[in-house]
Amino acid sequence: MSIVIKTPEQIDKMRVAGQLAGEVLRMIGPHVKPGVSTGELDAICHSYITEVQQAVPAPLNYKGFPKSICTSVNDVICHGIPGDKRLKQGDIINIDITVIKEGWHGDTSKMFYVGEVPIKARRICEIAHDCMSRGVQMVEPGISLREIGRTIQQIAESQSCSVVREYCGHGIGEVFHEEPQVLHYDHPSNDIKLVPGMVFTIEPMINLGKQHTRLMSDGWTVKTRDRSLSAQWEHTIAVTPDSFEILTRLPGDEI
C-alpha cells in the first residue's frame, strides 16, 4: 500500500471529522470521575457520536473490536476494551476516539486524571504529552518521520522513560489505518520525507518503566509487562505547504 496524498478538498472533510473527534473528548471530560465505569463512558460517547454528531464510531466492530471507544487505564498501554471496570481516585485513563464522517476519519486521544493522582502518574502523562507535542511541532515538508521518532525517543529516555515499539502512529483518511507507519523511535524504516497532503497520526505510547508489552487474553488490551504506568496522547496531523495543521485540535485548545 502506498501513501495516499490528500487534496485540499479531502483535507477539508478530514478537518470536519477531526473536529468531531476532538469534541467527543471535550464532551466526555466531565464524566471521567471516581465511580464511573469505562462501559458507561463508552455508552455516553457512542450516543453522542451517533445521535448528536450523526457520525460513526470507527472502532466499533473494527476487526472485531466490540466497543465504540478505547479506554486504557493505568498500566494499559492501548486498546483497552470498555466494560465493568470502575474508575477510582488516582487512576489515569487514556480515551481514544475515532469518528467517521462522510467516509473520512478523525482520530485523537488524551489522558484524563481521575480526581487527584500521584506525582508519578502526573509525571508520565506530562512526559507523554511533551513527546507528542514536540513531535507534532517538528512536522513540515522535507523533514523525515525518522527525525521526529528520534526526537520523541530522546525526550522519553532523557526522563528515564521508554517508548513502546510494537504500536505506532499511522496514515489516515478514508481508511482507518494506512501508510505510512509513524514510529515514535529512531529506525531506518521510518526514513520517509514529508510532503504536503500527507495526513497521519502522532501518538507515542510512553511507559514509566520498560518498553516491553504484553497482550491480554481478550486479544486487544495491551499492558506494560512490568506493570508500570503508561500514557499516550494523539492528534491527526496534515502536512501543509509550509508547516502543519492539527486536524483534531479544537479552537482555543493547546496542542
C-alpha atoms as a PDB file:
ATOM      1  CA  MET A   1       0.000   0.000   0.000  1.00  0.00           C
ATOM      2  CA  SER A   2       1.386   3.425  -0.934  1.00  0.00           C
ATOM      3  CA  ILE A   3       0.966   6.733   0.885  1.00  0.00           C
ATOM      4  CA  VAL A   4      -2.240   8.496  -0.138  1.00  0.00           C
ATOM      5  CA  ILE A   5      -1.721  12.228  -0.684  1.00  0.00           C
ATOM      6  CA  LYS A   6      -4.891  14.149   0.133  1.00  0.00           C
ATOM      7  CA  THR A   7      -6.220  17.093  -1.870  1.00  0.00           C
ATOM      8  CA  PRO A   8      -7.175  20.333  -0.078  1.00  0.00           C
ATOM      9  CA  GLU A   9     -10.822  19.370  -0.522  1.00  0.00           C
ATOM     10  CA  GLN A  10     -10.242  15.987   1.090  1.00  0.00           C
ATOM     11  CA  ILE A  11      -8.380  17.600   3.977  1.00  0.00           C
ATOM     12  CA  ASP A  12     -11.388  19.888   4.456  1.00  0.00           C
ATOM     13  CA  LYS A  13     -13.506  16.770   5.002  1.00  0.00           C
ATOM     14  CA  MET A  14     -10.909  15.283   7.348  1.00  0.00           C
ATOM     15  CA  ARG A  15     -10.919  18.507   9.334  1.00  0.00           C
ATOM     16  CA  VAL A  16     -14.643  18.093   9.922  1.00  0.00           C
ATOM     17  CA  ALA A  17     -14.134  14.523  11.174  1.00  0.00           C
ATOM     18  CA  GLY A  18     -11.160  15.594  13.268  1.00  0.00           C
ATOM     19  CA  GLN A  19     -13.085  18.392  14.955  1.00  0.00           C
ATOM     20  CA  LEU A  20     -15.894  15.985  15.785  1.00  0.00           C
ATOM     21  CA  ALA A  21     -13.417  13.582  17.412  1.00  0.00           C
ATOM     22  CA  GLY A  22     -11.984  16.448  19.439  1.00  0.00           C
ATOM     23  CA  GLU A  23     -15.476  17.468  20.516  1.00  0.00           C
ATOM     24  CA  VAL A  24     -16.127  13.963  21.869  1.00  0.00           C
ATOM     25  CA  LEU A  25     -13.043  14.204  24.100  1.00  0.00           C
ATOM     26  CA  ARG A  26     -14.159  17.622  25.324  1.00  0.00           C
ATOM     27  CA  MET A  27     -17.675  16.328  25.987  1.00  0.00           C
ATOM     28  CA  ILE A  28     -16.605  13.222  27.933  1.00  0.00           C
ATOM     29  CA  GLY A  29     -14.158  15.007  30.254  1.00  0.00           C
ATOM     30  CA  PRO A  30     -16.663  15.954  32.996  1.00  0.00           C
ATOM     31  CA  HIS A  31     -17.878  12.338  33.138  1.00  0.00           C
ATOM     32  CA  VAL A  32     -14.396  10.982  33.999  1.00  0.00           C
ATOM     33  CA  LYS A  33     -14.574  10.754  37.774  1.00  0.00           C
ATOM     34  CA  PRO A  34     -14.337   8.158  40.530  1.00  0.00           C
ATOM     35  CA  GLY A  35     -17.072   5.526  40.366  1.00  0.00           C
ATOM     36  CA  VAL A  36     -17.898   5.724  36.670  1.00  0.00           C
ATOM     37  CA  SER A  37     -17.339   2.560  34.658  1.00  0.00           C
ATOM     38  CA  THR A  38     -15.442   2.511  31.374  1.00  0.00           C
ATOM     39  CA  GLY A  39     -18.530   0.918  29.834  1.00  0.00           C
ATOM     40  CA  GLU A  40     -20.615   3.914  30.899  1.00  0.00           C
ATOM     41  CA  LEU A  41     -18.075   6.252  29.281  1.00  0.00           C
ATOM     42  CA  ASP A  42     -18.326   4.196  26.084  1.00  0.00           C
ATOM     43  CA  ALA A  43     -22.128   4.402  26.084  1.00  0.00           C
ATOM     44  CA  ILE A  44     -22.063   8.186  26.534  1.00  0.00           C
ATOM     45  CA  CYS A  45     -19.573   8.604  23.682  1.00  0.00           C
ATOM     46  CA  HIS A  46     -21.474   6.209  21.418  1.00  0.00           C
ATOM     47  CA  SER A  47     -24.742   8.108  21.885  1.00  0.00           C
ATOM     48  CA  TYR A  48     -23.037  11.465  21.322  1.00  0.00           C
ATOM     49  CA  ILE A  49     -21.262  10.326  18.137  1.00  0.00           C
ATOM     50  CA  THR A  50     -24.254   8.582  16.595  1.00  0.00           C
ATOM     51  CA  GLU A  51     -27.112  10.825  17.747  1.00  0.00           C
ATOM     52  CA  VAL A  52     -25.663  14.321  18.199  1.00  0.00           C
ATOM     53  CA  GLN A  53     -22.882  14.247  15.601  1.00  0.00           C
ATOM     54  CA  GLN A  54     -24.692  11.926  13.170  1.00  0.00           C
ATOM     55  CA  ALA A  55     -21.369  10.155  12.677  1.00  0.00           C
ATOM     56  CA  VAL A  56     -19.923   6.657  13.057  1.00  0.00           C
ATOM     57  CA  PRO A  57     -17.610   5.420  15.874  1.00  0.00           C
ATOM     58  CA  ALA A  58     -14.803   3.816  13.867  1.00  0.00           C
ATOM     59  CA  PRO A  59     -13.585   1.286  16.488  1.00  0.00           C
ATOM     60  CA  LEU A  60     -16.983  -0.449  16.784  1.00  0.00           C
ATOM     61  CA  ASN A  61     -16.653  -3.848  15.051  1.00  0.00           C
ATOM     62  CA  TYR A  62     -13.293  -2.818  13.530  1.00  0.00           C
ATOM     63  CA  LYS A  63     -11.543  -6.177  13.117  1.00  0.00           C
ATOM     64  CA  GLY A  64     -13.838  -7.461  15.852  1.00  0.00           C
ATOM     65  CA  PHE A  65     -13.311  -4.701  18.438  1.00  0.00           C
ATOM     66  CA  PRO A  66     -16.552  -4.726  20.451  1.00  0.00           C
ATOM     67  CA  LYS A  67     -16.906  -1.104  21.608  1.00  0.00           C
ATOM     68  CA  SER A  68     -17.036   2.448  20.248  1.00  0.00           C
ATOM     69  CA  ILE A  69     -14.010   3.879  22.103  1.00  0.00           C
ATOM     70  CA  CYS A  70     -10.808   2.600  23.708  1.00  0.00           C
ATOM     71  CA  THR A  71     -10.293   3.148  27.452  1.00  0.00           C
ATOM     72  CA  SER A  72      -6.771   2.393  28.702  1.00  0.00           C
ATOM     73  CA  VAL A  73      -6.314   2.711  32.476  1.00  0.00           C
ATOM     74  CA  ASN A  74      -3.012   2.934  34.395  1.00  0.00           C
ATOM     75  CA  ASP A  75      -0.747   0.136  33.092  1.00  0.00           C
ATOM     76  CA  VAL A  76      -2.867  -0.418  29.972  1.00  0.00           C
ATOM     77  CA  ILE A  77      -0.886   0.968  27.039  1.00  0.00           C
ATOM     78  CA  CYS A  78      -3.629   0.920  24.395  1.00  0.00           C
ATOM     79  CA  HIS A  79      -6.777  -0.762  23.053  1.00  0.00           C
ATOM     80  CA  GLY A  80      -8.434  -1.196  26.443  1.00  0.00           C
ATOM     81  CA  ILE A  81     -11.991  -2.505  25.994  1.00  0.00           C
ATOM     82  CA  PRO A  82     -14.665  -0.576  27.938  1.00  0.00           C
ATOM     83  CA  GLY A  83     -16.575  -2.709  30.400  1.00  0.00           C
ATOM     84  CA  ASP A  84     -17.483  -3.068  34.067  1.00  0.00           C
ATOM     85  CA  LYS A  85     -14.231  -1.613  35.440  1.00  0.00           C
ATOM     86  CA  ARG A  86     -14.977   1.390  37.642  1.00  0.00           C
ATOM     87  CA  LEU A  87     -12.504   4.238  37.846  1.00  0.00           C
ATOM     88  CA  LYS A  88     -11.088   5.090  41.249  1.00  0.00           C
ATOM     89  CA  GLN A  89      -9.382   8.092  42.747  1.00  0.00           C
ATOM     90  CA  GLY A  90      -5.799   8.347  41.474  1.00  0.00           C
ATOM     91  CA  ASP A  91      -6.300   6.473  38.196  1.00  0.00           C
ATOM     92  CA  ILE A  92      -5.130   7.826  34.862  1.00  0.00           C
ATOM     93  CA  ILE A  93      -7.032   6.913  31.711  1.00  0.00           C
ATOM     94  CA  ASN A  94      -6.463   7.368  28.009  1.00  0.00           C
ATOM     95  CA  ILE A  95      -9.639   7.757  25.992  1.00  0.00           C
ATOM     96  CA  ASP A  96      -9.121   7.152  22.269  1.00  0.00           C
ATOM     97  CA  ILE A  97     -11.773   8.459  19.876  1.00  0.00           C
ATOM     98  CA  THR A  98     -12.042   7.877  16.133  1.00  0.00           C
ATOM     99  CA  VAL A  99     -15.024   9.305  14.271  1.00  0.00           C
ATOM    100  CA  ILE A 100     -16.068   8.676  10.671  1.00  0.00           C
ATOM    101  CA  LYS A 101     -17.992  11.498   8.999  1.00  0.00           C
ATOM    102  CA  GLU A 102     -18.991  11.221   5.350  1.00  0.00           C
ATOM    103  CA  GLY A 103     -16.414   8.490   4.855  1.00  0.00           C
ATOM    104  CA  TRP A 104     -13.425  10.305   6.430  1.00  0.00           C
ATOM    105  CA  HIS A 105     -11.711   9.532   9.736  1.00  0.00           C
ATOM    106  CA  GLY A 106     -10.657  11.784  12.608  1.00  0.00           C
ATOM    107  CA  ASP A 107      -8.506  10.132  15.297  1.00  0.00           C
ATOM    108  CA  THR A 108      -7.411  11.610  18.625  1.00  0.00           C
ATOM    109  CA  SER A 109      -6.826  10.638  22.254  1.00  0.00           C
ATOM    110  CA  LYS A 110      -5.832  12.219  25.531  1.00  0.00           C
ATOM    111  CA  MET A 111      -5.105  11.405  29.147  1.00  0.00           C
ATOM    112  CA  PHE A 112      -7.521  12.200  31.958  1.00  0.00           C
ATOM    113  CA  TYR A 113      -6.847  12.327  35.694  1.00  0.00           C
ATOM    114  CA  VAL A 114      -9.407  10.635  37.939  1.00  0.00           C
ATOM    115  CA  GLY A 115      -9.502  13.026  40.873  1.00  0.00           C
ATOM    116  CA  GLU A 116      -6.147  13.763  42.469  1.00  0.00           C
ATOM    117  CA  VAL A 117      -3.451  11.478  41.065  1.00  0.00           C
ATOM    118  CA  PRO A 118       0.008  10.534  42.412  1.00  0.00           C
ATOM    119  CA  ILE A 119       3.021  12.558  41.308  1.00  0.00           C
ATOM    120  CA  LYS A 120       4.401   9.679  39.224  1.00  0.00           C
ATOM    121  CA  ALA A 121       1.098   9.376  37.352  1.00  0.00           C
ATOM    122  CA  ARG A 122       1.018  13.080  36.593  1.00  0.00           C
ATOM    123  CA  ARG A 123       4.672  12.896  35.540  1.00  0.00           C
ATOM    124  CA  ILE A 124       4.200  10.152  32.934  1.00  0.00           C
ATOM    125  CA  CYS A 125       1.192  11.963  31.484  1.00  0.00           C
ATOM    126  CA  GLU A 126       3.191  15.177  31.173  1.00  0.00           C
ATOM    127  CA  ILE A 127       6.195  13.434  29.605  1.00  0.00           C
ATOM    128  CA  ALA A 128       3.962  11.649  27.087  1.00  0.00           C
ATOM    129  CA  HIS A 129       2.275  14.944  26.207  1.00  0.00           C
ATOM    130  CA  ASP A 130       5.652  16.615  25.719  1.00  0.00           C
ATOM    131  CA  CYS A 131       6.717  13.774  23.418  1.00  0.00           C
ATOM    132  CA  MET A 132       3.587  14.130  21.320  1.00  0.00           C
ATOM    133  CA  SER A 133       3.571  17.925  21.147  1.00  0.00           C
ATOM    134  CA  ARG A 134       7.274  18.222  20.334  1.00  0.00           C
ATOM    135  CA  GLY A 135       6.843  15.624  17.593  1.00  0.00           C
ATOM    136  CA  VAL A 136       3.864  17.467  16.120  1.00  0.00           C
ATOM    137  CA  GLN A 137       5.693  20.781  16.076  1.00  0.00           C
ATOM    138  CA  MET A 138       8.508  19.275  14.002  1.00  0.00           C
ATOM    139  CA  VAL A 139       6.145  18.469  11.117  1.00  0.00           C
ATOM    140  CA  GLU A 140       6.919  20.324   7.871  1.00  0.00           C
ATOM    141  CA  PRO A 141       7.683  19.388   4.274  1.00  0.00           C
ATOM    142  CA  GLY A 142      11.129  17.850   3.845  1.00  0.00           C
ATOM    143  CA  ILE A 143      11.638  16.570   7.374  1.00  0.00           C
ATOM    144  CA  SER A 144      11.626  12.798   7.827  1.00  0.00           C
ATOM    145  CA  LEU A 145       9.443  10.740  10.118  1.00  0.00           C
ATOM    146  CA  ARG A 146      12.669   9.209  11.395  1.00  0.00           C
ATOM    147  CA  GLU A 147      13.823  12.588  12.739  1.00  0.00           C
ATOM    148  CA  ILE A 148      10.511  13.001  14.551  1.00  0.00           C
ATOM    149  CA  GLY A 149      10.725   9.495  16.001  1.00  0.00           C
ATOM    150  CA  ARG A 150      14.302  10.075  17.116  1.00  0.00           C
ATOM    151  CA  THR A 151      13.341  13.267  18.940  1.00  0.00           C
ATOM    152  CA  ILE A 152      10.413  11.605  20.702  1.00  0.00           C
ATOM    153  CA  GLN A 153      12.652   8.749  21.819  1.00  0.00           C
ATOM    154  CA  GLN A 154      15.295  11.170  23.110  1.00  0.00           C
ATOM    155  CA  ILE A 155      12.729  13.119  25.122  1.00  0.00           C
ATOM    156  CA  ALA A 156      11.279   9.987  26.735  1.00  0.00           C
ATOM    157  CA  GLU A 157      14.627   8.379  27.517  1.00  0.00           C
ATOM    158  CA  SER A 158      16.057  11.618  28.911  1.00  0.00           C
ATOM    159  CA  GLN A 159      13.352  11.296  31.587  1.00  0.00           C
ATOM    160  CA  SER A 160      14.183   7.603  32.222  1.00  0.00           C
ATOM    161  CA  CYS A 161      11.002   6.523  30.452  1.00  0.00           C
ATOM    162  CA  SER A 162      10.618   4.287  27.406  1.00  0.00           C
ATOM    163  CA  VAL A 163       8.825   4.281  24.059  1.00  0.00           C
ATOM    164  CA  VAL A 164       6.588   1.351  23.104  1.00  0.00           C
ATOM    165  CA  ARG A 165       7.832  -0.238  19.873  1.00  0.00           C
ATOM    166  CA  GLU A 166       5.027  -2.595  18.820  1.00  0.00           C
ATOM    167  CA  TYR A 167       2.373   0.086  18.267  1.00  0.00           C
ATOM    168  CA  CYS A 168       2.726   3.291  16.306  1.00  0.00           C
ATOM    169  CA  GLY A 169       1.041   6.167  14.530  1.00  0.00           C
ATOM    170  CA  HIS A 170      -0.355   5.740  11.033  1.00  0.00           C
ATOM    171  CA  GLY A 171      -1.596   7.365   7.902  1.00  0.00           C
ATOM    172  CA  ILE A 172      -5.320   8.001   7.919  1.00  0.00           C
ATOM    173  CA  GLY A 173      -8.054   9.152   5.561  1.00  0.00           C
ATOM    174  CA  GLU A 174     -10.901   7.152   4.061  1.00  0.00           C
ATOM    175  CA  VAL A 175      -9.102   4.172   5.625  1.00  0.00           C
ATOM    176  CA  PHE A 176      -8.606   3.964   9.415  1.00  0.00           C
ATOM    177  CA  HIS A 177      -5.002   2.731   9.200  1.00  0.00           C
ATOM    178  CA  GLU A 178      -2.975   3.334   6.047  1.00  0.00           C
ATOM    179  CA  GLU A 179       0.608   4.102   5.106  1.00  0.00           C
ATOM    180  CA  PRO A 180       2.907   5.409   6.412  1.00  0.00           C
ATOM    181  CA  GLN A 181       3.611   3.797   9.737  1.00  0.00           C
ATOM    182  CA  VAL A 182       4.742   6.513  12.145  1.00  0.00           C
ATOM    183  CA  LEU A 183       7.322   5.046  14.532  1.00  0.00           C
ATOM    184  CA  HIS A 184       7.968   7.033  17.709  1.00  0.00           C
ATOM    185  CA  TYR A 185      11.600   5.958  17.954  1.00  0.00           C
ATOM    186  CA  ASP A 186      14.659   6.016  15.703  1.00  0.00           C
ATOM    187  CA  HIS A 187      14.558   3.346  12.995  1.00  0.00           C
ATOM    188  CA  PRO A 188      15.861   3.270   9.390  1.00  0.00           C
ATOM    189  CA  SER A 189      12.500   2.079   8.026  1.00  0.00           C
ATOM    190  CA  ASN A 190      10.962   5.370   9.167  1.00  0.00           C
ATOM    191  CA  ASP A 191      13.183   7.485   6.888  1.00  0.00           C
ATOM    192  CA  ILE A 192      10.229   8.917   4.946  1.00  0.00           C
ATOM    193  CA  LYS A 193      10.288  12.554   3.862  1.00  0.00           C
ATOM    194  CA  LEU A 194       7.110  14.511   4.497  1.00  0.00           C
ATOM    195  CA  VAL A 195       5.304  16.200   1.612  1.00  0.00           C
ATOM    196  CA  PRO A 196       2.204  18.435   1.579  1.00  0.00           C
ATOM    197  CA  GLY A 197      -1.023  16.450   1.608  1.00  0.00           C
ATOM    198  CA  MET A 198       0.215  13.651   3.859  1.00  0.00           C
ATOM    199  CA  VAL A 199      -2.115  13.034   6.804  1.00  0.00           C
ATOM    200  CA  PHE A 200      -1.144  10.836   9.739  1.00  0.00           C
ATOM    201  CA  THR A 201      -1.327  10.462  13.499  1.00  0.00           C
ATOM    202  CA  ILE A 202       1.384  11.119  16.049  1.00  0.00           C
ATOM    203  CA  GLU A 203       0.554   9.109  19.177  1.00  0.00           C
ATOM    204  CA  PRO A 204       3.584   7.996  21.212  1.00  0.00           C
ATOM    205  CA  MET A 205       2.920   5.463  23.960  1.00  0.00           C
ATOM    206  CA  ILE A 206       5.327   6.222  26.799  1.00  0.00           C
ATOM    207  CA  ASN A 207       5.967   3.873  29.727  1.00  0.00           C
ATOM    208  CA  LEU A 208       7.229   4.921  33.141  1.00  0.00           C
ATOM    209  CA  GLY A 209       9.200   1.661  33.222  1.00  0.00           C
ATOM    210  CA  LYS A 210      10.498  -0.613  30.470  1.00  0.00           C
ATOM    211  CA  GLN A 211       9.220  -0.620  26.882  1.00  0.00           C
ATOM    212  CA  HIS A 212       8.065  -4.236  26.878  1.00  0.00           C
ATOM    213  CA  THR A 213       4.398  -5.092  26.379  1.00  0.00           C
ATOM    214  CA  ARG A 214       2.024  -7.996  26.940  1.00  0.00           C
ATOM    215  CA  LEU A 215      -1.170  -8.713  25.012  1.00  0.00           C
ATOM    216  CA  MET A 216      -4.025  -9.872  27.203  1.00  0.00           C
ATOM    217  CA  SER A 217      -6.268 -12.863  26.523  1.00  0.00           C
ATOM    218  CA  ASP A 218      -9.047 -10.712  25.016  1.00  0.00           C
ATOM    219  CA  GLY A 219      -6.766 -10.194  22.016  1.00  0.00           C
ATOM    220  CA  TRP A 220      -6.887  -6.395  22.260  1.00  0.00           C
ATOM    221  CA  THR A 221      -5.807  -4.992  25.625  1.00  0.00           C
ATOM    222  CA  VAL A 222      -2.074  -4.231  25.741  1.00  0.00           C
ATOM    223  CA  LYS A 223      -0.365  -3.735  29.124  1.00  0.00           C
ATOM    224  CA  THR A 224       3.157  -2.924  30.258  1.00  0.00           C
ATOM    225  CA  ARG A 225       4.976  -6.149  31.045  1.00  0.00           C
ATOM    226  CA  ASP A 226       6.479  -4.676  34.222  1.00  0.00           C
ATOM    227  CA  ARG A 227       3.088  -3.214  35.275  1.00  0.00           C
ATOM    228  CA  SER A 228       4.452   0.331  35.170  1.00  0.00           C
ATOM    229  CA  LEU A 229       2.159   3.213  34.244  1.00  0.00           C
ATOM    230  CA  SER A 230       1.767   4.175  30.599  1.00  0.00           C
ATOM    231  CA  ALA A 231       0.422   7.327  28.944  1.00  0.00           C
ATOM    232  CA  GLN A 232      -0.455   8.434  25.422  1.00  0.00           C
ATOM    233  CA  TRP A 233      -1.784  11.489  23.577  1.00  0.00           C
ATOM    234  CA  GLU A 234      -2.756  11.567  19.913  1.00  0.00           C
ATOM    235  CA  HIS A 235      -3.585  14.055  17.179  1.00  0.00           C
ATOM    236  CA  THR A 236      -4.252  13.739  13.455  1.00  0.00           C
ATOM    237  CA  ILE A 237      -1.828  15.954  11.501  1.00  0.00           C
ATOM    238  CA  ALA A 238      -1.934  17.262   7.924  1.00  0.00           C
ATOM    239  CA  VAL A 239       1.285  18.404   6.257  1.00  0.00           C
ATOM    240  CA  THR A 240       0.709  21.836   4.697  1.00  0.00           C
ATOM    241  CA  PRO A 241       2.887  23.543   2.031  1.00  0.00           C
ATOM    242  CA  ASP A 242       4.984  25.263   4.705  1.00  0.00           C
ATOM    243  CA  SER A 243       4.122  23.655   8.062  1.00  0.00           C
ATOM    244  CA  PHE A 244       1.363  21.517   9.594  1.00  0.00           C
ATOM    245  CA  GLU A 245      -2.253  21.615  10.725  1.00  0.00           C
ATOM    246  CA  ILE A 246      -3.651  19.646  13.652  1.00  0.00           C
ATOM    247  CA  LEU A 247      -6.998  18.486  12.313  1.00  0.00           C
ATOM    248  CA  THR A 248      -8.189  17.204  15.717  1.00  0.00           C
ATOM    249  CA  ARG A 249      -7.293  20.343  17.682  1.00  0.00           C
ATOM    250  CA  LEU A 250     -10.297  22.424  18.714  1.00  0.00           C
ATOM    251  CA  PRO A 251     -10.125  26.239  18.566  1.00  0.00           C
ATOM    252  CA  GLY A 252      -8.600  27.609  21.764  1.00  0.00           C
ATOM    253  CA  ASP A 253      -7.058  24.285  22.818  1.00  0.00           C
ATOM    254  CA  GLU A 254      -3.356  23.772  23.382  1.00  0.00           C
ATOM    255  CA  ILE A 255      -1.747  21.013  21.340  1.00  0.00           C
END
